[in-house]
Amino acid sequence: MTAPNVVNVTTITGKTDVANATTTATAVTTCAANSVYKINSIIVSNVDGTAPADITVDLFRSSTAYHIASTISVPTNSTLVLVNKDMGIYLEESDAIRCTASANGDLQVICSYEVITDV
């Protein structure tokens, strides 16, 4: 199927997905068929009390990773905003936002977005 024309939408539904980042690239959000996702924010928090950790976030399309952020250090007990509502990123069908951390259990990722459909 094709992605909807964002001018003739039927519904716009706000969503938020969360993930614990690991050392393996993991999808936080994957765009469903017949939809477009407008990513409003990607926030990474370091919940480790003693050590900084690195985060890599990519837009994964057709087996290729396009980096939004590559190996950025998130200080101990800090938050990093990678995307905000003024930036916005659109995901097409089957696109995914993935994250990879330098250490398991240190980083949490929150992805807020709108699901745009015309069906």
PDB file of N, CA and C in Angstrom:
ATOM      1  N   MET A   1       0.841  -1.179   0.000  1.00  0.00           N
ATOM      2  CA  MET A   1       0.000   0.000   0.000  1.00  0.00           C
ATOM      3  C   MET A   1       0.886   1.242   0.000  1.00  0.00           C
ATOM      4  N   THR A   2       0.265   2.361  -0.264  1.00  0.00           N
ATOM      5  CA  THR A   2       1.012   3.607  -0.284  1.00  0.00           C
ATOM      6  C   THR A   2       0.735   4.423   0.967  1.00  0.00           C
ATOM      7  N   ALA A   3       1.669   5.263   1.288  1.00  0.00           N
ATOM      8  CA  ALA A   3       1.507   6.152   2.432  1.00  0.00           C
ATOM      9  C   ALA A   3       0.450   7.201   2.095  1.00  0.00           C
ATOM     10  N   PRO A   4      -0.288   7.662   3.099  1.00  0.00           N
ATOM     11  CA  PRO A   4      -1.351   8.634   2.844  1.00  0.00           C
ATOM     12  C   PRO A   4      -0.804  10.004   2.467  1.00  0.00           C
ATOM     13  N   ASN A   5      -1.611  10.726   1.719  1.00  0.00           N
ATOM     14  CA  ASN A   5      -1.330  12.119   1.407  1.00  0.00           C
ATOM     15  C   ASN A   5      -1.628  12.922   2.671  1.00  0.00           C
ATOM     16  N   VAL A   6      -0.660  13.633   3.195  1.00  0.00           N
ATOM     17  CA  VAL A   6      -0.846  14.327   4.472  1.00  0.00           C
ATOM     18  C   VAL A   6      -1.803  15.517   4.379  1.00  0.00           C
ATOM     19  N   VAL A   7      -2.257  15.848   3.166  1.00  0.00           N
ATOM     20  CA  VAL A   7      -3.246  16.907   3.006  1.00  0.00           C
ATOM     21  C   VAL A   7      -4.655  16.359   3.233  1.00  0.00           C
ATOM     22  N   ASN A   8      -4.903  15.109   2.851  1.00  0.00           N
ATOM     23  CA  ASN A   8      -6.231  14.504   2.958  1.00  0.00           C
ATOM     24  C   ASN A   8      -6.260  13.419   4.029  1.00  0.00           C
ATOM     25  N   VAL A   9      -5.933  13.763   5.245  1.00  0.00           N
ATOM     26  CA  VAL A   9      -5.885  12.760   6.306  1.00  0.00           C
ATOM     27  C   VAL A   9      -7.265  12.511   6.893  1.00  0.00           C
ATOM     28  N   THR A  10      -7.456  11.282   7.365  1.00  0.00           N
ATOM     29  CA  THR A  10      -8.679  10.911   8.056  1.00  0.00           C
ATOM     30  C   THR A  10      -8.506  11.057   9.557  1.00  0.00           C
ATOM     31  N   THR A  11      -7.346  10.598  10.056  1.00  0.00           N
ATOM     32  CA  THR A  11      -7.088  10.686  11.492  1.00  0.00           C
ATOM     33  C   THR A  11      -5.639  11.056  11.764  1.00  0.00           C
ATOM     34  N   ILE A  12      -5.442  11.736  12.875  1.00  0.00           N
ATOM     35  CA  ILE A  12      -4.116  11.989  13.429  1.00  0.00           C
ATOM     36  C   ILE A  12      -4.202  11.588  14.893  1.00  0.00           C
ATOM     37  N   THR A  13      -3.413  10.589  15.269  1.00  0.00           N
ATOM     38  CA  THR A  13      -3.450  10.053  16.627  1.00  0.00           C
ATOM     39  C   THR A  13      -2.084  10.195  17.272  1.00  0.00           C
ATOM     40  N   GLY A  14      -2.047  10.827  18.441  1.00  0.00           N
ATOM     41  CA  GLY A  14      -0.795  10.980  19.165  1.00  0.00           C
ATOM     42  C   GLY A  14      -0.395   9.690  19.858  1.00  0.00           C
ATOM     43  N   LYS A  15       0.878   9.359  19.811  1.00  0.00           N
ATOM     44  CA  LYS A  15       1.411   8.138  20.426  1.00  0.00           C
ATOM     45  C   LYS A  15       2.765   8.422  21.046  1.00  0.00           C
ATOM     46  N   THR A  16       3.162   7.581  21.986  1.00  0.00           N
ATOM     47  CA  THR A  16       4.493   7.619  22.574  1.00  0.00           C
ATOM     48  C   THR A  16       4.973   6.189  22.761  1.00  0.00           C
ATOM     49  N   ASP A  17       6.165   5.897  22.248  1.00  0.00           N
ATOM     50  CA  ASP A  17       6.790   4.590  22.443  1.00  0.00           C
ATOM     51  C   ASP A  17       8.033   4.767  23.304  1.00  0.00           C
ATOM     52  N   VAL A  18       8.356   3.741  24.073  1.00  0.00           N
ATOM     53  CA  VAL A  18       9.515   3.782  24.963  1.00  0.00           C
ATOM     54  C   VAL A  18      10.353   2.523  24.775  1.00  0.00           C
ATOM     55  N   ALA A  19      11.650   2.642  25.079  1.00  0.00           N
ATOM     56  CA  ALA A  19      12.537   1.482  24.976  1.00  0.00           C
ATOM     57  C   ALA A  19      13.715   1.662  25.912  1.00  0.00           C
ATOM     58  N   ASN A  20      14.209   0.554  26.417  1.00  0.00           N
ATOM     59  CA  ASN A  20      15.488   0.535  27.113  1.00  0.00           C
ATOM     60  C   ASN A  20      16.531   0.232  26.045  1.00  0.00           C
ATOM     61  N   ALA A  21      17.455   1.152  25.842  1.00  0.00           N
ATOM     62  CA  ALA A  21      18.476   0.976  24.810  1.00  0.00           C
ATOM     63  C   ALA A  21      19.466  -0.104  25.229  1.00  0.00           C
ATOM     64  N   THR A  22      19.827  -0.944  24.277  1.00  0.00           N
ATOM     65  CA  THR A  22      20.802  -2.005  24.522  1.00  0.00           C
ATOM     66  C   THR A  22      21.951  -1.856  23.529  1.00  0.00           C
ATOM     67  N   THR A  23      22.912  -2.744  23.617  1.00  0.00           N
ATOM     68  CA  THR A  23      24.065  -2.697  22.722  1.00  0.00           C
ATOM     69  C   THR A  23      23.753  -3.249  21.326  1.00  0.00           C
ATOM     70  N   THR A  24      22.529  -3.694  21.120  1.00  0.00           N
ATOM     71  CA  THR A  24      22.052  -4.144  19.811  1.00  0.00           C
ATOM     72  C   THR A  24      21.011  -3.158  19.307  1.00  0.00           C
ATOM     73  N   ALA A  25      21.089  -2.761  18.044  1.00  0.00           N
ATOM     74  CA  ALA A  25      20.109  -1.826  17.474  1.00  0.00           C
ATOM     75  C   ALA A  25      18.704  -2.387  17.652  1.00  0.00           C
ATOM     76  N   THR A  26      17.855  -1.603  18.311  1.00  0.00           N
ATOM     77  CA  THR A  26      16.499  -2.027  18.642  1.00  0.00           C
ATOM     78  C   THR A  26      15.505  -0.970  18.182  1.00  0.00           C
ATOM     79  N   ALA A  27      14.448  -1.398  17.506  1.00  0.00           N
ATOM     80  CA  ALA A  27      13.424  -0.455  17.055  1.00  0.00           C
ATOM     81  C   ALA A  27      12.639   0.087  18.239  1.00  0.00           C
ATOM     82  N   VAL A  28      12.542   1.403  18.294  1.00  0.00           N
ATOM     83  CA  VAL A  28      11.691   2.060  19.285  1.00  0.00           C
ATOM     84  C   VAL A  28      10.303   2.236  18.685  1.00  0.00           C
ATOM     85  N   THR A  29      10.250   2.639  17.418  1.00  0.00           N
ATOM     86  CA  THR A  29       9.010   2.918  16.707  1.00  0.00           C
ATOM     87  C   THR A  29       9.149   2.435  15.268  1.00  0.00           C
ATOM     88  N   THR A  30       8.128   1.721  14.764  1.00  0.00           N
ATOM     89  CA  THR A  30       8.115   1.283  13.371  1.00  0.00           C
ATOM     90  C   THR A  30       6.807   1.712  12.735  1.00  0.00           C
ATOM     91  N   CYS A  31       6.892   2.385  11.607  1.00  0.00           N
ATOM     92  CA  CYS A  31       5.708   2.928  10.935  1.00  0.00           C
ATOM     93  C   CYS A  31       4.891   1.805  10.289  1.00  0.00           C
ATOM     94  N   ALA A  32       3.613   1.808  10.595  1.00  0.00           N
ATOM     95  CA  ALA A  32       2.691   0.788  10.086  1.00  0.00           C
ATOM     96  C   ALA A  32       2.301   1.065   8.631  1.00  0.00           C
ATOM     97  N   ALA A  33       1.745   0.047   7.989  1.00  0.00           N
ATOM     98  CA  ALA A  33       1.255   0.193   6.614  1.00  0.00           C
ATOM     99  C   ALA A  33       0.124   1.216   6.581  1.00  0.00           C
ATOM    100  N   ASN A  34      -0.011   1.880   5.450  1.00  0.00           N
ATOM    101  CA  ASN A  34      -1.061   2.874   5.222  1.00  0.00           C
ATOM    102  C   ASN A  34      -0.971   4.064   6.164  1.00  0.00           C
ATOM    103  N   SER A  35       0.215   4.340   6.675  1.00  0.00           N
ATOM    104  CA  SER A  35       0.395   5.435   7.619  1.00  0.00           C
ATOM    105  C   SER A  35       1.654   6.218   7.310  1.00  0.00           C
ATOM    106  N   VAL A  36       1.695   7.403   7.856  1.00  0.00           N
ATOM    107  CA  VAL A  36       2.900   8.210   7.947  1.00  0.00           C
ATOM    108  C   VAL A  36       3.010   8.585   9.416  1.00  0.00           C
ATOM    109  N   TYR A  37       4.211   8.506   9.974  1.00  0.00           N
ATOM    110  CA  TYR A  37       4.417   8.947  11.358  1.00  0.00           C
ATOM    111  C   TYR A  37       5.213  10.243  11.326  1.00  0.00           C
ATOM    112  N   LYS A  38       4.713  11.233  12.043  1.00  0.00           N
ATOM    113  CA  LYS A  38       5.474  12.467  12.222  1.00  0.00           C
ATOM    114  C   LYS A  38       6.111  12.396  13.602  1.00  0.00           C
ATOM    115  N   ILE A  39       7.423  12.234  13.627  1.00  0.00           N
ATOM    116  CA  ILE A  39       8.150  12.147  14.894  1.00  0.00           C
ATOM    117  C   ILE A  39       8.268  13.555  15.468  1.00  0.00           C
ATOM    118  N   ASN A  40       7.723  13.749  16.666  1.00  0.00           N
ATOM    119  CA  ASN A  40       7.752  15.058  17.318  1.00  0.00           C
ATOM    120  C   ASN A  40       8.913  15.209  18.283  1.00  0.00           C
ATOM    121  N   SER A  41       9.304  14.110  18.914  1.00  0.00           N
ATOM    122  CA  SER A  41      10.444  14.196  19.834  1.00  0.00           C
ATOM    123  C   SER A  41      11.073  12.833  20.045  1.00  0.00           C
ATOM    124  N   ILE A  42      12.388  12.876  20.224  1.00  0.00           N
ATOM    125  CA  ILE A  42      13.150  11.702  20.660  1.00  0.00           C
ATOM    126  C   ILE A  42      14.003  12.187  21.824  1.00  0.00           C
ATOM    127  N   ILE A  43      13.782  11.581  22.980  1.00  0.00           N
ATOM    128  CA  ILE A  43      14.463  11.980  24.205  1.00  0.00           C
ATOM    129  C   ILE A  43      15.192  10.772  24.763  1.00  0.00           C
ATOM    130  N   VAL A  44      16.459  10.966  25.137  1.00  0.00           N
ATOM    131  CA  VAL A  44      17.274   9.890  25.696  1.00  0.00           C
ATOM    132  C   VAL A  44      17.671  10.302  27.112  1.00  0.00           C
ATOM    133  N   SER A  45      17.449   9.415  28.068  1.00  0.00           N
ATOM    134  CA  SER A  45      17.822   9.681  29.458  1.00  0.00           C
ATOM    135  C   SER A  45      18.806   8.642  29.948  1.00  0.00           C
ATOM    136  N   ASN A  46      19.837   9.120  30.639  1.00  0.00           N
ATOM    137  CA  ASN A  46      20.803   8.226  31.272  1.00  0.00           C
ATOM    138  C   ASN A  46      20.349   8.016  32.708  1.00  0.00           C
ATOM    139  N   VAL A  47      19.927   6.798  33.013  1.00  0.00           N
ATOM    140  CA  VAL A  47      19.416   6.481  34.345  1.00  0.00           C
ATOM    141  C   VAL A  47      20.479   5.860  35.238  1.00  0.00           C
ATOM    142  N   ASP A  48      21.701   5.740  34.714  1.00  0.00           N
ATOM    143  CA  ASP A  48      22.814   5.205  35.498  1.00  0.00           C
ATOM    144  C   ASP A  48      23.330   6.305  36.427  1.00  0.00           C
ATOM    145  N   GLY A  49      23.551   5.988  37.672  1.00  0.00           N
ATOM    146  CA  GLY A  49      23.999   6.977  38.649  1.00  0.00           C
ATOM    147  C   GLY A  49      25.489   7.200  38.696  1.00  0.00           C
ATOM    148  N   THR A  50      26.255   6.437  37.910  1.00  0.00           N
ATOM    149  CA  THR A  50      27.713   6.551  38.044  1.00  0.00           C
ATOM    150  C   THR A  50      28.488   6.772  36.750  1.00  0.00           C
ATOM    151  N   ALA A  51      27.902   6.468  35.584  1.00  0.00           N
ATOM    152  CA  ALA A  51      28.703   6.523  34.358  1.00  0.00           C
ATOM    153  C   ALA A  51      27.919   7.111  33.187  1.00  0.00           C
ATOM    154  N   PRO A  52      28.592   7.897  32.347  1.00  0.00           N
ATOM    155  CA  PRO A  52      27.963   8.329  31.097  1.00  0.00           C
ATOM    156  C   PRO A  52      27.834   7.131  30.149  1.00  0.00           C
ATOM    157  N   ALA A  53      26.982   7.266  29.153  1.00  0.00           N
ATOM    158  CA  ALA A  53      26.819   6.218  28.141  1.00  0.00           C
ATOM    159  C   ALA A  53      26.568   6.880  26.793  1.00  0.00           C
ATOM    160  N   ASP A  54      26.961   6.205  25.730  1.00  0.00           N
ATOM    161  CA  ASP A  54      26.788   6.729  24.374  1.00  0.00           C
ATOM    162  C   ASP A  54      25.511   6.191  23.754  1.00  0.00           C
ATOM    163  N   ILE A  55      24.866   7.045  22.939  1.00  0.00           N
ATOM    164  CA  ILE A  55      23.657   6.639  22.223  1.00  0.00           C
ATOM    165  C   ILE A  55      23.843   6.876  20.727  1.00  0.00           C
ATOM    166  N   THR A  56      23.350   5.943  19.936  1.00  0.00           N
ATOM    167  CA  THR A  56      23.244   6.104  18.494  1.00  0.00           C
ATOM    168  C   THR A  56      21.786   5.878  18.140  1.00  0.00           C
ATOM    169  N   VAL A  57      21.212   6.805  17.374  1.00  0.00           N
ATOM    170  CA  VAL A  57      19.816   6.698  16.940  1.00  0.00           C
ATOM    171  C   VAL A  57      19.799   6.839  15.427  1.00  0.00           C
ATOM    172  N   ASP A  58      19.050   5.947  14.767  1.00  0.00           N
ATOM    173  CA  ASP A  58      18.984   6.026  13.313  1.00  0.00           C
ATOM    174  C   ASP A  58      17.567   5.865  12.805  1.00  0.00           C
ATOM    175  N   LEU A  59      17.365   6.340  11.590  1.00  0.00           N
ATOM    176  CA  LEU A  59      16.153   6.071  10.831  1.00  0.00           C
ATOM    177  C   LEU A  59      16.522   4.895   9.937  1.00  0.00           C
ATOM    178  N   PHE A  60      15.842   3.773  10.110  1.00  0.00           N
ATOM    179  CA  PHE A  60      16.154   2.548   9.381  1.00  0.00           C
ATOM    180  C   PHE A  60      15.156   2.382   8.247  1.00  0.00           C
ATOM    181  N   ARG A  61      15.669   2.446   7.007  1.00  0.00           N
ATOM    182  CA  ARG A  61      14.809   2.360   5.821  1.00  0.00           C
ATOM    183  C   ARG A  61      15.454   1.422   4.808  1.00  0.00           C
ATOM    184  N   SER A  62      14.679   0.447   4.346  1.00  0.00           N
ATOM    185  CA  SER A  62      15.144  -0.473   3.291  1.00  0.00           C
ATOM    186  C   SER A  62      16.515  -1.057   3.606  1.00  0.00           C
ATOM    187  N   SER A  63      16.681  -1.550   4.828  1.00  0.00           N
ATOM    188  CA  SER A  63      17.908  -2.206   5.288  1.00  0.00           C
ATOM    189  C   SER A  63      19.110  -1.276   5.417  1.00  0.00           C
ATOM    190  N   THR A  64      18.876   0.027   5.422  1.00  0.00           N
ATOM    191  CA  THR A  64      19.959   0.994   5.586  1.00  0.00           C
ATOM    192  C   THR A  64      19.675   1.901   6.773  1.00  0.00           C
ATOM    193  N   ALA A  65      20.699   2.106   7.595  1.00  0.00           N
ATOM    194  CA  ALA A  65      20.582   2.989   8.759  1.00  0.00           C
ATOM    195  C   ALA A  65      21.082   4.380   8.397  1.00  0.00           C
ATOM    196  N   TYR A  66      20.226   5.383   8.595  1.00  0.00           N
ATOM    197  CA  TYR A  66      20.589   6.783   8.386  1.00  0.00           C
ATOM    198  C   TYR A  66      20.632   7.440   9.758  1.00  0.00           C
ATOM    199  N   HIS A  67      21.806   7.841  10.187  1.00  0.00           N
ATOM    200  CA  HIS A  67      21.993   8.293  11.563  1.00  0.00           C
ATOM    201  C   HIS A  67      21.375   9.653  11.846  1.00  0.00           C
ATOM    202  N   ILE A  68      20.589   9.697  12.901  1.00  0.00           N
ATOM    203  CA  ILE A  68      20.088  10.945  13.463  1.00  0.00           C
ATOM    204  C   ILE A  68      21.101  11.451  14.473  1.00  0.00           C
ATOM    205  N   ALA A  69      21.677  10.525  15.221  1.00  0.00           N
ATOM    206  CA  ALA A  69      22.729  10.820  16.197  1.00  0.00           C
ATOM    207  C   ALA A  69      23.682   9.638  16.211  1.00  0.00           C
ATOM    208  N   SER A  70      24.964   9.918  16.259  1.00  0.00           N
ATOM    209  CA  SER A  70      25.942   8.840  16.228  1.00  0.00           C
ATOM    210  C   SER A  70      26.922   8.968  17.391  1.00  0.00           C
ATOM    211  N   THR A  71      26.845   8.015  18.293  1.00  0.00           N
ATOM    212  CA  THR A  71      27.766   7.890  19.421  1.00  0.00           C
ATOM    213  C   THR A  71      27.879   9.195  20.211  1.00  0.00           C
ATOM    214  N   ILE A  72      26.727   9.706  20.649  1.00  0.00           N
ATOM    215  CA  ILE A  72      26.702  10.918  21.468  1.00  0.00           C
ATOM    216  C   ILE A  72      26.685  10.511  22.939  1.00  0.00           C
ATOM    217  N   SER A  73      27.548  11.118  23.714  1.00  0.00           N
ATOM    218  CA  SER A  73      27.636  10.809  25.137  1.00  0.00           C
ATOM    219  C   SER A  73      26.497  11.487  25.898  1.00  0.00           C
ATOM    220  N   VAL A  74      25.800  10.691  26.708  1.00  0.00           N
ATOM    221  CA  VAL A  74      24.760  11.217  27.587  1.00  0.00           C
ATOM    222  C   VAL A  74      25.309  11.138  29.011  1.00  0.00           C
ATOM    223  N   PRO A  75      25.537  12.288  29.643  1.00  0.00           N
ATOM    224  CA  PRO A  75      26.126  12.284  30.985  1.00  0.00           C
ATOM    225  C   PRO A  75      25.253  11.561  32.011  1.00  0.00           C
ATOM    226  N   THR A  76      25.870  11.171  33.109  1.00  0.00           N
ATOM    227  CA  THR A  76      25.171  10.511  34.210  1.00  0.00           C
ATOM    228  C   THR A  76      23.978  11.332  34.654  1.00  0.00           C
ATOM    229  N   ASN A  77      22.848  10.651  34.877  1.00  0.00           N
ATOM    230  CA  ASN A  77      21.617  11.290  35.370  1.00  0.00           C
ATOM    231  C   ASN A  77      21.215  12.510  34.554  1.00  0.00           C
ATOM    232  N   SER A  78      21.368  12.437  33.223  1.00  0.00           N
ATOM    233  CA  SER A  78      21.034  13.557  32.341  1.00  0.00           C
ATOM    234  C   SER A  78      20.090  13.111  31.232  1.00  0.00           C
ATOM    235  N   THR A  79      19.525  14.116  30.569  1.00  0.00           N
ATOM    236  CA  THR A  79      18.613  13.878  29.456  1.00  0.00           C
ATOM    237  C   THR A  79      19.098  14.626  28.227  1.00  0.00           C
ATOM    238  N   LEU A  80      18.969  13.985  27.067  1.00  0.00           N
ATOM    239  CA  LEU A  80      19.377  14.570  25.796  1.00  0.00           C
ATOM    240  C   LEU A  80      18.167  14.571  24.869  1.00  0.00           C
ATOM    241  N   VAL A  81      17.817  15.748  24.332  1.00  0.00           N
ATOM    242  CA  VAL A  81      16.732  15.855  23.361  1.00  0.00           C
ATOM    243  C   VAL A  81      17.362  15.827  21.974  1.00  0.00           C
ATOM    244  N   LEU A  82      17.069  14.775  21.219  1.00  0.00           N
ATOM    245  CA  LEU A  82      17.638  14.628  19.876  1.00  0.00           C
ATOM    246  C   LEU A  82      16.751  15.237  18.804  1.00  0.00           C
ATOM    247  N   VAL A  83      15.449  15.134  18.981  1.00  0.00           N
ATOM    248  CA  VAL A  83      14.486  15.707  18.043  1.00  0.00           C
ATOM    249  C   VAL A  83      13.423  16.402  18.876  1.00  0.00           C
ATOM    250  N   ASN A  84      13.033  17.614  18.452  1.00  0.00           N
ATOM    251  CA  ASN A  84      11.913  18.280  19.108  1.00  0.00           C
ATOM    252  C   ASN A  84      10.867  18.635  18.069  1.00  0.00           C
ATOM    253  N   LYS A  85       9.721  19.123  18.517  1.00  0.00           N
ATOM    254  CA  LYS A  85       8.591  19.355  17.617  1.00  0.00           C
ATOM    255  C   LYS A  85       8.893  20.353  16.500  1.00  0.00           C
ATOM    256  N   ASP A  86       9.873  21.228  16.702  1.00  0.00           N
ATOM    257  CA  ASP A  86      10.232  22.190  15.672  1.00  0.00           C
ATOM    258  C   ASP A  86      11.040  21.564  14.542  1.00  0.00           C
ATOM    259  N   MET A  87      11.628  20.398  14.797  1.00  0.00           N
ATOM    260  CA  MET A  87      12.426  19.709  13.775  1.00  0.00           C
ATOM    261  C   MET A  87      11.547  18.771  12.959  1.00  0.00           C
ATOM    262  N   GLY A  88      10.925  17.809  13.636  1.00  0.00           N
ATOM    263  CA  GLY A  88      10.057  16.838  12.991  1.00  0.00           C
ATOM    264  C   GLY A  88      10.749  15.979  11.947  1.00  0.00           C
ATOM    265  N   ILE A  89      10.443  14.699  11.969  1.00  0.00           N
ATOM    266  CA  ILE A  89      10.924  13.734  10.992  1.00  0.00           C
ATOM    267  C   ILE A  89       9.714  12.901  10.593  1.00  0.00           C
ATOM    268  N   TYR A  90       9.542  12.684   9.305  1.00  0.00           N
ATOM    269  CA  TYR A  90       8.442  11.840   8.838  1.00  0.00           C
ATOM    270  C   TYR A  90       8.958  10.441   8.526  1.00  0.00           C
ATOM    271  N   LEU A  91       8.245   9.440   9.052  1.00  0.00           N
ATOM    272  CA  LEU A  91       8.550   8.046   8.719  1.00  0.00           C
ATOM    273  C   LEU A  91       7.539   7.567   7.700  1.00  0.00           C
ATOM    274  N   GLU A  92       8.031   6.864   6.693  1.00  0.00           N
ATOM    275  CA  GLU A  92       7.161   6.231   5.720  1.00  0.00           C
ATOM    276  C   GLU A  92       6.925   4.788   6.148  1.00  0.00           C
ATOM    277  N   GLU A  93       6.027   4.103   5.431  1.00  0.00           N
ATOM    278  CA  GLU A  93       5.704   2.717   5.761  1.00  0.00           C
ATOM    279  C   GLU A  93       6.961   1.878   5.934  1.00  0.00           C
ATOM    280  N   SER A  94       7.022   1.110   7.004  1.00  0.00           N
ATOM    281  CA  SER A  94       8.102   0.183   7.346  1.00  0.00           C
ATOM    282  C   SER A  94       9.377   0.851   7.838  1.00  0.00           C
ATOM    283  N   ASP A  95       9.460   2.183   7.807  1.00  0.00           N
ATOM    284  CA  ASP A  95      10.605   2.870   8.410  1.00  0.00           C
ATOM    285  C   ASP A  95      10.581   2.657   9.914  1.00  0.00           C
ATOM    286  N   ALA A  96      11.754   2.697  10.532  1.00  0.00           N
ATOM    287  CA  ALA A  96      11.833   2.542  11.991  1.00  0.00           C
ATOM    288  C   ALA A  96      12.826   3.544  12.564  1.00  0.00           C
ATOM    289  N   ILE A  97      12.571   3.950  13.794  1.00  0.00           N
ATOM    290  CA  ILE A  97      13.550   4.680  14.591  1.00  0.00           C
ATOM    291  C   ILE A  97      14.181   3.634  15.497  1.00  0.00           C
ATOM    292  N   ARG A  98      15.511   3.485  15.398  1.00  0.00           N
ATOM    293  CA  ARG A  98      16.218   2.486  16.210  1.00  0.00           C
ATOM    294  C   ARG A  98      17.231   3.181  17.109  1.00  0.00           C
ATOM    295  N   CYS A  99      17.550   2.506  18.209  1.00  0.00           N
ATOM    296  CA  CYS A  99      18.566   3.044  19.121  1.00  0.00           C
ATOM    297  C   CYS A  99      19.547   1.941  19.503  1.00  0.00           C
ATOM    298  N   THR A 100      20.787   2.376  19.763  1.00  0.00           N
ATOM    299  CA  THR A 100      21.845   1.482  20.213  1.00  0.00           C
ATOM    300  C   THR A 100      22.631   2.211  21.293  1.00  0.00           C
ATOM    301  N   ALA A 101      22.876   1.548  22.402  1.00  0.00           N
ATOM    302  CA  ALA A 101      23.608   2.149  23.517  1.00  0.00           C
ATOM    303  C   ALA A 101      24.986   1.502  23.656  1.00  0.00           C
ATOM    304  N   SER A 102      25.868   2.220  24.332  1.00  0.00           N
ATOM    305  CA  SER A 102      27.207   1.664  24.585  1.00  0.00           C
ATOM    306  C   SER A 102      27.200   0.689  25.750  1.00  0.00           C
ATOM    307  N   ALA A 103      26.135   0.729  26.564  1.00  0.00           N
ATOM    308  CA  ALA A 103      26.021  -0.182  27.707  1.00  0.00           C
ATOM    309  C   ALA A 103      24.552  -0.534  27.916  1.00  0.00           C
ATOM    310  N   ASN A 104      24.290  -1.780  28.250  1.00  0.00           N
ATOM    311  CA  ASN A 104      22.920  -2.212  28.538  1.00  0.00           C
ATOM    312  C   ASN A 104      22.439  -1.625  29.856  1.00  0.00           C
ATOM    313  N   GLY A 105      21.179  -1.198  29.876  1.00  0.00           N
ATOM    314  CA  GLY A 105      20.548  -0.776  31.120  1.00  0.00           C
ATOM    315  C   GLY A 105      20.815   0.650  31.559  1.00  0.00           C
ATOM    316  N   ASP A 106      21.598   1.406  30.794  1.00  0.00           N
ATOM    317  CA  ASP A 106      21.925   2.769  31.208  1.00  0.00           C
ATOM    318  C   ASP A 106      21.027   3.831  30.581  1.00  0.00           C
ATOM    319  N   LEU A 107      20.534   3.592  29.369  1.00  0.00           N
ATOM    320  CA  LEU A 107      19.800   4.618  28.628  1.00  0.00           C
ATOM    321  C   LEU A 107      18.369   4.181  28.322  1.00  0.00           C
ATOM    322  N   GLN A 108      17.448   5.138  28.474  1.00  0.00           N
ATOM    323  CA  GLN A 108      16.054   4.934  28.107  1.00  0.00           C
ATOM    324  C   GLN A 108      15.699   5.940  27.016  1.00  0.00           C
ATOM    325  N   VAL A 109      14.874   5.510  26.054  1.00  0.00           N
ATOM    326  CA  VAL A 109      14.512   6.348  24.919  1.00  0.00           C
ATOM    327  C   VAL A 109      12.997   6.498  24.872  1.00  0.00           C
ATOM    328  N   ILE A 110      12.548   7.743  24.686  1.00  0.00           N
ATOM    329  CA  ILE A 110      11.127   8.043  24.526  1.00  0.00           C
ATOM    330  C   ILE A 110      10.942   8.693  23.165  1.00  0.00           C
ATOM    331  N   CYS A 111      10.017   8.164  22.382  1.00  0.00           N
ATOM    332  CA  CYS A 111       9.734   8.684  21.048  1.00  0.00           C
ATOM    333  C   CYS A 111       8.251   9.055  20.985  1.00  0.00           C
ATOM    334  N   SER A 112       7.973  10.338  20.815  1.00  0.00           N
ATOM    335  CA  SER A 112       6.604  10.841  20.706  1.00  0.00           C
ATOM    336  C   SER A 112       6.313  11.154  19.243  1.00  0.00           C
ATOM    337  N   TYR A 113       5.146  10.744  18.755  1.00  0.00           N
ATOM    338  CA  TYR A 113       4.843  10.918  17.331  1.00  0.00           C
ATOM    339  C   TYR A 113       3.352  10.963  17.078  1.00  0.00           C
ATOM    340  N   GLU A 114       2.994  11.339  15.850  1.00  0.00           N
ATOM    341  CA  GLU A 114       1.608  11.337  15.403  1.00  0.00           C
ATOM    342  C   GLU A 114       1.458  10.319  14.277  1.00  0.00           C
ATOM    343  N   VAL A 115       0.436   9.478  14.383  1.00  0.00           N
ATOM    344  CA  VAL A 115       0.107   8.533  13.330  1.00  0.00           C
ATOM    345  C   VAL A 115      -0.888   9.226  12.413  1.00  0.00           C
ATOM    346  N   ILE A 116      -0.537   9.362  11.147  1.00  0.00           N
ATOM    347  CA  ILE A 116      -1.368  10.054  10.170  1.00  0.00           C
ATOM    348  C   ILE A 116      -1.864   9.024   9.170  1.00  0.00           C
ATOM    349  N   THR A 117      -3.212   8.894   9.046  1.00  0.00           N
ATOM    350  CA  THR A 117      -3.787   7.912   8.131  1.00  0.00           C
ATOM    351  C   THR A 117      -4.892   8.559   7.297  1.00  0.00           C
ATOM    352  N   ASP A 118      -5.193   7.910   6.177  1.00  0.00           N
ATOM    353  CA  ASP A 118      -6.303   8.383   5.336  1.00  0.00           C
ATOM    354  C   ASP A 118      -7.317   7.273   5.068  1.00  0.00           C
ATOM    355  N   VAL A 119      -7.333   6.274   5.941  1.00  0.00           N
ATOM    356  CA  VAL A 119      -8.307   5.180   5.798  1.00  0.00           C
ATOM    357  C   VAL A 119      -9.155   5.075   7.043  1.00  0.00           C
TER     358      VAL A 119
END
